[in-house]
Protein backbone atom coordinates (compact mmCIF):
# COMPACT_ATOMS: atom_id res chain seq x y z
CA UNK A 1 0.00 0.00 0.00
CA UNK A 2 1.37 3.42 -0.91
CA UNK A 3 0.62 6.72 0.80
CA UNK A 4 1.28 10.26 -0.36
CA UNK A 5 3.46 12.10 2.17
CA UNK A 6 4.26 15.79 2.59
CA UNK A 7 7.76 16.77 3.74
CA UNK A 8 8.49 20.21 5.19
CA UNK A 9 11.67 21.53 6.72
CA UNK A 10 11.05 23.33 10.01
CA UNK A 11 12.85 26.36 11.44
CA UNK A 12 15.29 24.10 13.31
CA UNK A 13 16.29 22.23 10.15
CA UNK A 14 14.34 19.03 10.91
CA UNK A 15 12.27 17.36 8.19
CA UNK A 16 8.64 17.00 9.32
CA UNK A 17 6.48 14.51 7.45
CA UNK A 18 2.69 14.24 7.41
CA UNK A 19 0.32 11.83 5.67
CA UNK A 20 -2.74 13.63 4.25
CA UNK A 21 -4.77 10.40 4.10
CA UNK A 22 -4.04 9.66 7.77
CA UNK A 23 -4.77 12.74 9.90
CA UNK A 24 -2.55 12.80 12.96
CA UNK A 25 0.12 10.58 11.41
CA UNK A 26 3.27 12.71 11.72
CA UNK A 27 6.98 12.03 12.07
CA UNK A 28 10.30 13.77 11.60
CA UNK A 29 14.00 13.22 11.00
CA UNK A 30 17.29 15.05 10.85
CA UNK A 31 17.58 14.13 7.17
CA UNK A 32 14.96 13.55 4.50
CA UNK A 33 16.00 9.89 4.33
CA UNK A 34 15.60 9.48 8.10
CA UNK A 35 12.24 11.27 8.00
CA UNK A 36 10.97 8.90 5.29
CA UNK A 37 12.13 5.89 7.31
CA UNK A 38 10.42 7.24 10.42
CA UNK A 39 7.12 8.03 8.67
CA UNK A 40 7.04 4.50 7.26
CA UNK A 41 7.12 3.16 10.82
CA UNK A 42 4.56 5.76 11.94
CA UNK A 43 2.19 4.74 9.12
CA UNK A 44 2.48 1.07 10.10
CA UNK A 45 1.72 1.89 13.74
CA UNK A 46 -1.14 4.20 12.77
CA UNK A 47 -2.74 1.54 10.56
CA UNK A 48 -2.33 -1.07 13.30
CA UNK A 49 -4.10 1.21 15.79
CA UNK A 50 -6.95 1.87 13.35
CA UNK A 51 -7.37 -1.87 12.75
CA UNK A 52 -7.22 -2.63 16.49
CA UNK A 53 -9.92 -0.04 17.19
CA UNK A 54 -12.08 -1.14 14.25
CA UNK A 55 -11.82 2.23 12.50
CA UNK A 56 -12.17 1.97 8.71
CA UNK A 57 -9.31 3.29 6.61
CA UNK A 58 -11.48 4.53 3.77
CA UNK A 59 -14.50 6.79 3.70
CA UNK A 60 -17.72 4.98 4.53
CA UNK A 61 -19.94 4.02 1.64
CA UNK A 62 -21.97 6.97 0.50
CA UNK A 63 -19.39 9.52 1.67
CA UNK A 64 -18.27 11.88 -1.05
CA UNK A 65 -14.79 13.32 -1.45
CA UNK A 66 -14.26 16.37 -3.62
CA UNK A 67 -12.20 19.55 -3.89
CA UNK A 68 -13.00 23.23 -3.63
CA UNK A 69 -11.09 26.26 -4.90
CA UNK A 70 -10.17 29.06 -2.52
CA UNK A 71 -9.03 32.54 -3.55
CA UNK A 72 -6.48 34.14 -1.25
PDB file of N, CA and C in Angstrom:
ATOM      1  N   UNK A   1       0.841  -1.159   0.000  1.00  0.00           N
ATOM      2  CA  UNK A   1       0.000   0.000   0.000  1.00  0.00           C
ATOM      3  C   UNK A   1       0.903   1.246   0.000  1.00  0.00           C
ATOM      4  N   UNK A   2       0.582   2.200  -0.829  1.00  0.00           N
ATOM      5  CA  UNK A   2       1.368   3.421  -0.911  1.00  0.00           C
ATOM      6  C   UNK A   2       0.559   4.598  -0.383  1.00  0.00           C
ATOM      7  N   UNK A   3       1.255   5.519   0.276  1.00  0.00           N
ATOM      8  CA  UNK A   3       0.624   6.717   0.798  1.00  0.00           C
ATOM      9  C   UNK A   3       1.398   7.937   0.337  1.00  0.00           C
ATOM     10  N   UNK A   4       0.663   8.975  -0.026  1.00  0.00           N
ATOM     11  CA  UNK A   4       1.276  10.264  -0.355  1.00  0.00           C
ATOM     12  C   UNK A   4       1.722  10.893   0.960  1.00  0.00           C
ATOM     13  N   UNK A   5       2.960  11.414   0.994  1.00  0.00           N
ATOM     14  CA  UNK A   5       3.459  12.100   2.173  1.00  0.00           C
ATOM     15  C   UNK A   5       3.844  13.527   1.801  1.00  0.00           C
ATOM     16  N   UNK A   6       3.856  14.408   2.789  1.00  0.00           N
ATOM     17  CA  UNK A   6       4.262  15.790   2.594  1.00  0.00           C
ATOM     18  C   UNK A   6       5.444  16.043   3.532  1.00  0.00           C
ATOM     19  N   UNK A   7       6.545  16.526   2.959  1.00  0.00           N
ATOM     20  CA  UNK A   7       7.755  16.774   3.743  1.00  0.00           C
ATOM     21  C   UNK A   7       8.029  18.273   3.778  1.00  0.00           C
ATOM     22  N   UNK A   8       8.148  18.804   4.986  1.00  0.00           N
ATOM     23  CA  UNK A   8       8.486  20.212   5.187  1.00  0.00           C
ATOM     24  C   UNK A   8       9.723  20.286   6.070  1.00  0.00           C
ATOM     25  N   UNK A   9      10.518  21.307   5.864  1.00  0.00           N
ATOM     26  CA  UNK A   9      11.674  21.529   6.719  1.00  0.00           C
ATOM     27  C   UNK A   9      11.306  22.623   7.713  1.00  0.00           C
ATOM     28  N   UNK A  10      11.435  22.339   9.023  1.00  0.00           N
ATOM     29  CA  UNK A  10      11.047  23.334  10.012  1.00  0.00           C
ATOM     30  C   UNK A  10      12.168  24.330  10.287  1.00  0.00           C
ATOM     31  N   UNK A  11      11.894  25.285  11.166  1.00  0.00           N
ATOM     32  CA  UNK A  11      12.849  26.357  11.438  1.00  0.00           C
ATOM     33  C   UNK A  11      14.132  25.869  12.110  1.00  0.00           C
ATOM     34  N   UNK A  12      14.096  24.671  12.684  1.00  0.00           N
ATOM     35  CA  UNK A  12      15.290  24.100  13.310  1.00  0.00           C
ATOM     36  C   UNK A  12      16.070  23.180  12.370  1.00  0.00           C
ATOM     37  N   UNK A  13      15.594  23.057  11.133  1.00  0.00           N
ATOM     38  CA  UNK A  13      16.287  22.230  10.155  1.00  0.00           C
ATOM     39  C   UNK A  13      15.838  20.779  10.110  1.00  0.00           C
ATOM     40  N   UNK A  14      14.862  20.404  10.917  1.00  0.00           N
ATOM     41  CA  UNK A  14      14.337  19.034  10.908  1.00  0.00           C
ATOM     42  C   UNK A  14      13.328  18.884   9.773  1.00  0.00           C
ATOM     43  N   UNK A  15      13.249  17.682   9.221  1.00  0.00           N
ATOM     44  CA  UNK A  15      12.266  17.356   8.194  1.00  0.00           C
ATOM     45  C   UNK A  15      11.040  16.774   8.888  1.00  0.00           C
ATOM     46  N   UNK A  16       9.907  17.433   8.715  1.00  0.00           N
ATOM     47  CA  UNK A  16       8.645  17.005   9.319  1.00  0.00           C
ATOM     48  C   UNK A  16       7.769  16.418   8.220  1.00  0.00           C
ATOM     49  N   UNK A  17       7.243  15.235   8.469  1.00  0.00           N
ATOM     50  CA  UNK A  17       6.479  14.515   7.453  1.00  0.00           C
ATOM     51  C   UNK A  17       5.061  14.253   7.954  1.00  0.00           C
ATOM     52  N   UNK A  18       4.077  14.542   7.104  1.00  0.00           N
ATOM     53  CA  UNK A  18       2.686  14.238   7.405  1.00  0.00           C
ATOM     54  C   UNK A  18       2.114  13.361   6.299  1.00  0.00           C
ATOM     55  N   UNK A  19       1.010  12.712   6.616  1.00  0.00           N
ATOM     56  CA  UNK A  19       0.323  11.832   5.670  1.00  0.00           C
ATOM     57  C   UNK A  19      -1.100  12.350   5.522  1.00  0.00           C
ATOM     58  N   UNK A  20      -1.407  13.045   4.410  1.00  0.00           N
ATOM     59  CA  UNK A  20      -2.744  13.627   4.247  1.00  0.00           C
ATOM     60  C   UNK A  20      -3.896  12.628   4.425  1.00  0.00           C
ATOM     61  N   UNK A  21      -3.701  11.400   4.011  1.00  0.00           N
ATOM     62  CA  UNK A  21      -4.767  10.398   4.101  1.00  0.00           C
ATOM     63  C   UNK A  21      -4.949   9.860   5.519  1.00  0.00           C
ATOM     64  N   UNK A  22      -3.987  10.158   6.398  1.00  0.00           N
ATOM     65  CA  UNK A  22      -4.042   9.662   7.772  1.00  0.00           C
ATOM     66  C   UNK A  22      -3.863  10.833   8.742  1.00  0.00           C
ATOM     67  N   UNK A  23      -4.903  11.596   8.995  1.00  0.00           N
ATOM     68  CA  UNK A  23      -4.772  12.739   9.896  1.00  0.00           C
ATOM     69  C   UNK A  23      -4.175  12.317  11.240  1.00  0.00           C
ATOM     70  N   UNK A  24      -3.211  13.092  11.692  1.00  0.00           N
ATOM     71  CA  UNK A  24      -2.553  12.798  12.959  1.00  0.00           C
ATOM     72  C   UNK A  24      -1.317  11.928  12.824  1.00  0.00           C
ATOM     73  N   UNK A  25      -1.070  11.409  11.642  1.00  0.00           N
ATOM     74  CA  UNK A  25       0.117  10.584  11.414  1.00  0.00           C
ATOM     75  C   UNK A  25       1.254  11.510  10.988  1.00  0.00           C
ATOM     76  N   UNK A  26       2.184  11.746  11.921  1.00  0.00           N
ATOM     77  CA  UNK A  26       3.266  12.705  11.720  1.00  0.00           C
ATOM     78  C   UNK A  26       4.556  12.100  12.235  1.00  0.00           C
ATOM     79  N   UNK A  27       5.664  12.426  11.583  1.00  0.00           N
ATOM     80  CA  UNK A  27       6.976  12.027  12.065  1.00  0.00           C
ATOM     81  C   UNK A  27       7.991  13.061  11.616  1.00  0.00           C
ATOM     82  N   UNK A  28       9.249  12.833  11.966  1.00  0.00           N
ATOM     83  CA  UNK A  28      10.301  13.774  11.597  1.00  0.00           C
ATOM     84  C   UNK A  28      11.636  13.056  11.546  1.00  0.00           C
ATOM     85  N   UNK A  29      12.643  13.752  11.049  1.00  0.00           N
ATOM     86  CA  UNK A  29      13.997  13.216  11.005  1.00  0.00           C
ATOM     87  C   UNK A  29      14.987  14.329  10.739  1.00  0.00           C
ATOM     88  N   UNK A  30      16.239  14.062  11.085  1.00  0.00           N
ATOM     89  CA  UNK A  30      17.293  15.054  10.855  1.00  0.00           C
ATOM     90  C   UNK A  30      17.606  15.196   9.375  1.00  0.00           C
ATOM     91  N   UNK A  31      17.394  14.113   8.621  1.00  0.00           N
ATOM     92  CA  UNK A  31      17.582  14.128   7.171  1.00  0.00           C
ATOM     93  C   UNK A  31      16.280  13.690   6.512  1.00  0.00           C
ATOM     94  N   UNK A  32      16.161  13.982   5.220  1.00  0.00           N
ATOM     95  CA  UNK A  32      14.961  13.551   4.501  1.00  0.00           C
ATOM     96  C   UNK A  32      14.855  12.030   4.494  1.00  0.00           C
ATOM     97  N   UNK A  33      15.987  11.364   4.338  1.00  0.00           N
ATOM     98  CA  UNK A  33      16.001   9.893   4.329  1.00  0.00           C
ATOM     99  C   UNK A  33      15.520   9.346   5.677  1.00  0.00           C
ATOM    100  N   UNK A  34      16.012   9.921   6.772  1.00  0.00           N
ATOM    101  CA  UNK A  34      15.600   9.481   8.102  1.00  0.00           C
ATOM    102  C   UNK A  34      14.117   9.759   8.322  1.00  0.00           C
ATOM    103  N   UNK A  35      13.648  10.918   7.857  1.00  0.00           N
ATOM    104  CA  UNK A  35      12.240  11.273   8.004  1.00  0.00           C
ATOM    105  C   UNK A  35      11.343  10.279   7.259  1.00  0.00           C
ATOM    106  N   UNK A  36      11.745   9.880   6.064  1.00  0.00           N
ATOM    107  CA  UNK A  36      10.966   8.901   5.290  1.00  0.00           C
ATOM    108  C   UNK A  36      10.938   7.553   6.004  1.00  0.00           C
ATOM    109  N   UNK A  37      12.065   7.151   6.562  1.00  0.00           N
ATOM    110  CA  UNK A  37      12.125   5.887   7.309  1.00  0.00           C
ATOM    111  C   UNK A  37      11.194   5.953   8.515  1.00  0.00           C
ATOM    112  N   UNK A  38      11.237   7.084   9.220  1.00  0.00           N
ATOM    113  CA  UNK A  38      10.421   7.240  10.420  1.00  0.00           C
ATOM    114  C   UNK A  38       8.928   7.302  10.101  1.00  0.00           C
ATOM    115  N   UNK A  39       8.553   7.949   8.998  1.00  0.00           N
ATOM    116  CA  UNK A  39       7.124   8.029   8.669  1.00  0.00           C
ATOM    117  C   UNK A  39       6.602   6.670   8.226  1.00  0.00           C
ATOM    118  N   UNK A  40       7.457   5.859   7.631  1.00  0.00           N
ATOM    119  CA  UNK A  40       7.041   4.498   7.260  1.00  0.00           C
ATOM    120  C   UNK A  40       6.637   3.724   8.508  1.00  0.00           C
ATOM    121  N   UNK A  41       7.448   3.825   9.550  1.00  0.00           N
ATOM    122  CA  UNK A  41       7.122   3.160  10.816  1.00  0.00           C
ATOM    123  C   UNK A  41       5.859   3.771  11.432  1.00  0.00           C
ATOM    124  N   UNK A  42       5.741   5.091  11.376  1.00  0.00           N
ATOM    125  CA  UNK A  42       4.563   5.758  11.938  1.00  0.00           C
ATOM    126  C   UNK A  42       3.286   5.330  11.221  1.00  0.00           C
ATOM    127  N   UNK A  43       3.351   5.187   9.895  1.00  0.00           N
ATOM    128  CA  UNK A  43       2.190   4.736   9.121  1.00  0.00           C
ATOM    129  C   UNK A  43       1.788   3.326   9.547  1.00  0.00           C
ATOM    130  N   UNK A  44       2.775   2.442   9.678  1.00  0.00           N
ATOM    131  CA  UNK A  44       2.482   1.067  10.099  1.00  0.00           C
ATOM    132  C   UNK A  44       1.806   1.039  11.465  1.00  0.00           C
ATOM    133  N   UNK A  45       2.319   1.835  12.409  1.00  0.00           N
ATOM    134  CA  UNK A  45       1.722   1.894  13.743  1.00  0.00           C
ATOM    135  C   UNK A  45       0.327   2.511  13.712  1.00  0.00           C
ATOM    136  N   UNK A  46       0.155   3.529  12.903  1.00  0.00           N
ATOM    137  CA  UNK A  46      -1.138   4.196  12.767  1.00  0.00           C
ATOM    138  C   UNK A  46      -2.178   3.218  12.216  1.00  0.00           C
ATOM    139  N   UNK A  47      -1.808   2.504  11.155  1.00  0.00           N
ATOM    140  CA  UNK A  47      -2.738   1.539  10.563  1.00  0.00           C
ATOM    141  C   UNK A  47      -3.072   0.417  11.537  1.00  0.00           C
ATOM    142  N   UNK A  48      -2.088  -0.030  12.303  1.00  0.00           N
ATOM    143  CA  UNK A  48      -2.334  -1.072  13.304  1.00  0.00           C
ATOM    144  C   UNK A  48      -3.330  -0.592  14.354  1.00  0.00           C
ATOM    145  N   UNK A  49      -3.177   0.661  14.792  1.00  0.00           N
ATOM    146  CA  UNK A  49      -4.098   1.213  15.788  1.00  0.00           C
ATOM    147  C   UNK A  49      -5.510   1.336  15.221  1.00  0.00           C
ATOM    148  N   UNK A  50      -5.628   1.779  13.973  1.00  0.00           N
ATOM    149  CA  UNK A  50      -6.951   1.866  13.346  1.00  0.00           C
ATOM    150  C   UNK A  50      -7.606   0.492  13.273  1.00  0.00           C
ATOM    151  N   UNK A  51      -6.833  -0.512  12.861  1.00  0.00           N
ATOM    152  CA  UNK A  51      -7.367  -1.875  12.750  1.00  0.00           C
ATOM    153  C   UNK A  51      -7.780  -2.404  14.127  1.00  0.00           C
ATOM    154  N   UNK A  52      -6.934  -2.170  15.133  1.00  0.00           N
ATOM    155  CA  UNK A  52      -7.223  -2.635  16.493  1.00  0.00           C
ATOM    156  C   UNK A  52      -8.518  -2.020  17.019  1.00  0.00           C
ATOM    157  N   UNK A  53      -8.743  -0.742  16.697  1.00  0.00           N
ATOM    158  CA  UNK A  53      -9.922  -0.038  17.188  1.00  0.00           C
ATOM    159  C   UNK A  53     -11.134  -0.176  16.270  1.00  0.00           C
ATOM    160  N   UNK A  54     -10.976  -0.906  15.163  1.00  0.00           N
ATOM    161  CA  UNK A  54     -12.081  -1.137  14.247  1.00  0.00           C
ATOM    162  C   UNK A  54     -12.488   0.093  13.455  1.00  0.00           C
ATOM    163  N   UNK A  55     -11.542   1.013  13.249  1.00  0.00           N
ATOM    164  CA  UNK A  55     -11.825   2.234  12.501  1.00  0.00           C
ATOM    165  C   UNK A  55     -11.486   2.001  11.034  1.00  0.00           C
ATOM    166  N   UNK A  56     -12.434   2.226  10.126  1.00  0.00           N
ATOM    167  CA  UNK A  56     -12.171   1.975   8.705  1.00  0.00           C
ATOM    168  C   UNK A  56     -11.137   2.959   8.146  1.00  0.00           C
ATOM    169  N   UNK A  57     -10.342   2.477   7.232  1.00  0.00           N
ATOM    170  CA  UNK A  57      -9.311   3.293   6.611  1.00  0.00           C
ATOM    171  C   UNK A  57      -9.897   4.224   5.557  1.00  0.00           C
ATOM    172  N   UNK A  58     -10.905   3.749   4.852  1.00  0.00           N
ATOM    173  CA  UNK A  58     -11.477   4.526   3.766  1.00  0.00           C
ATOM    174  C   UNK A  58     -12.790   5.153   4.189  1.00  0.00           C
ATOM    175  N   UNK A  59     -13.228   6.148   3.421  1.00  0.00           N
ATOM    176  CA  UNK A  59     -14.502   6.795   3.699  1.00  0.00           C
ATOM    177  C   UNK A  59     -15.621   5.768   3.665  1.00  0.00           C
ATOM    178  N   UNK A  60     -16.587   5.903   4.552  1.00  0.00           N
ATOM    179  CA  UNK A  60     -17.716   4.980   4.530  1.00  0.00           C
ATOM    180  C   UNK A  60     -18.479   5.088   3.224  1.00  0.00           C
ATOM    181  N   UNK A  61     -19.165   4.024   2.873  1.00  0.00           N
ATOM    182  CA  UNK A  61     -19.939   4.017   1.635  1.00  0.00           C
ATOM    183  C   UNK A  61     -20.953   5.150   1.672  1.00  0.00           C
ATOM    184  N   UNK A  62     -21.058   5.851   0.580  1.00  0.00           N
ATOM    185  CA  UNK A  62     -21.972   6.970   0.499  1.00  0.00           C
ATOM    186  C   UNK A  62     -21.301   8.306   0.794  1.00  0.00           C
ATOM    187  N   UNK A  63     -20.112   8.272   1.413  1.00  0.00           N
ATOM    188  CA  UNK A  63     -19.386   9.523   1.671  1.00  0.00           C
ATOM    189  C   UNK A  63     -18.808  10.005   0.351  1.00  0.00           C
ATOM    190  N   UNK A  64     -18.754  11.302   0.184  1.00  0.00           N
ATOM    191  CA  UNK A  64     -18.267  11.879  -1.049  1.00  0.00           C
ATOM    192  C   UNK A  64     -17.039  12.713  -0.763  1.00  0.00           C
ATOM    193  N   UNK A  65     -16.009  12.532  -1.560  1.00  0.00           N
ATOM    194  CA  UNK A  65     -14.786  13.324  -1.449  1.00  0.00           C
ATOM    195  C   UNK A  65     -14.649  14.174  -2.684  1.00  0.00           C
ATOM    196  N   UNK A  66     -14.375  15.455  -2.501  1.00  0.00           N
ATOM    197  CA  UNK A  66     -14.255  16.368  -3.624  1.00  0.00           C
ATOM    198  C   UNK A  66     -13.279  17.484  -3.262  1.00  0.00           C
ATOM    199  N   UNK A  67     -13.111  18.440  -4.122  1.00  0.00           N
ATOM    200  CA  UNK A  67     -12.200  19.552  -3.895  1.00  0.00           C
ATOM    201  C   UNK A  67     -12.943  20.859  -4.090  1.00  0.00           C
ATOM    202  N   UNK A  68     -12.468  21.895  -3.427  1.00  0.00           N
ATOM    203  CA  UNK A  68     -13.002  23.231  -3.634  1.00  0.00           C
ATOM    204  C   UNK A  68     -11.843  24.184  -3.885  1.00  0.00           C
ATOM    205  N   UNK A  69     -12.106  25.252  -4.631  1.00  0.00           N
ATOM    206  CA  UNK A  69     -11.091  26.263  -4.897  1.00  0.00           C
ATOM    207  C   UNK A  69     -11.271  27.415  -3.918  1.00  0.00           C
ATOM    208  N   UNK A  70     -10.147  27.953  -3.461  1.00  0.00           N
ATOM    209  CA  UNK A  70     -10.175  29.063  -2.518  1.00  0.00           C
ATOM    210  C   UNK A  70      -9.293  30.172  -3.058  1.00  0.00           C
ATOM    211  N   UNK A  71      -9.809  31.384  -3.113  1.00  0.00           N
ATOM    212  CA  UNK A  71      -9.031  32.543  -3.549  1.00  0.00           C
ATOM    213  C   UNK A  71      -8.440  33.222  -2.330  1.00  0.00           C
ATOM    214  N   UNK A  72      -7.117  33.432  -2.374  1.00  0.00           N
ATOM    215  CA  UNK A  72      -6.479  34.142  -1.255  1.00  0.00           C
ATOM    216  C   UNK A  72      -5.685  35.320  -1.769  1.00  0.00           C
TER     217      UNK A  72
END
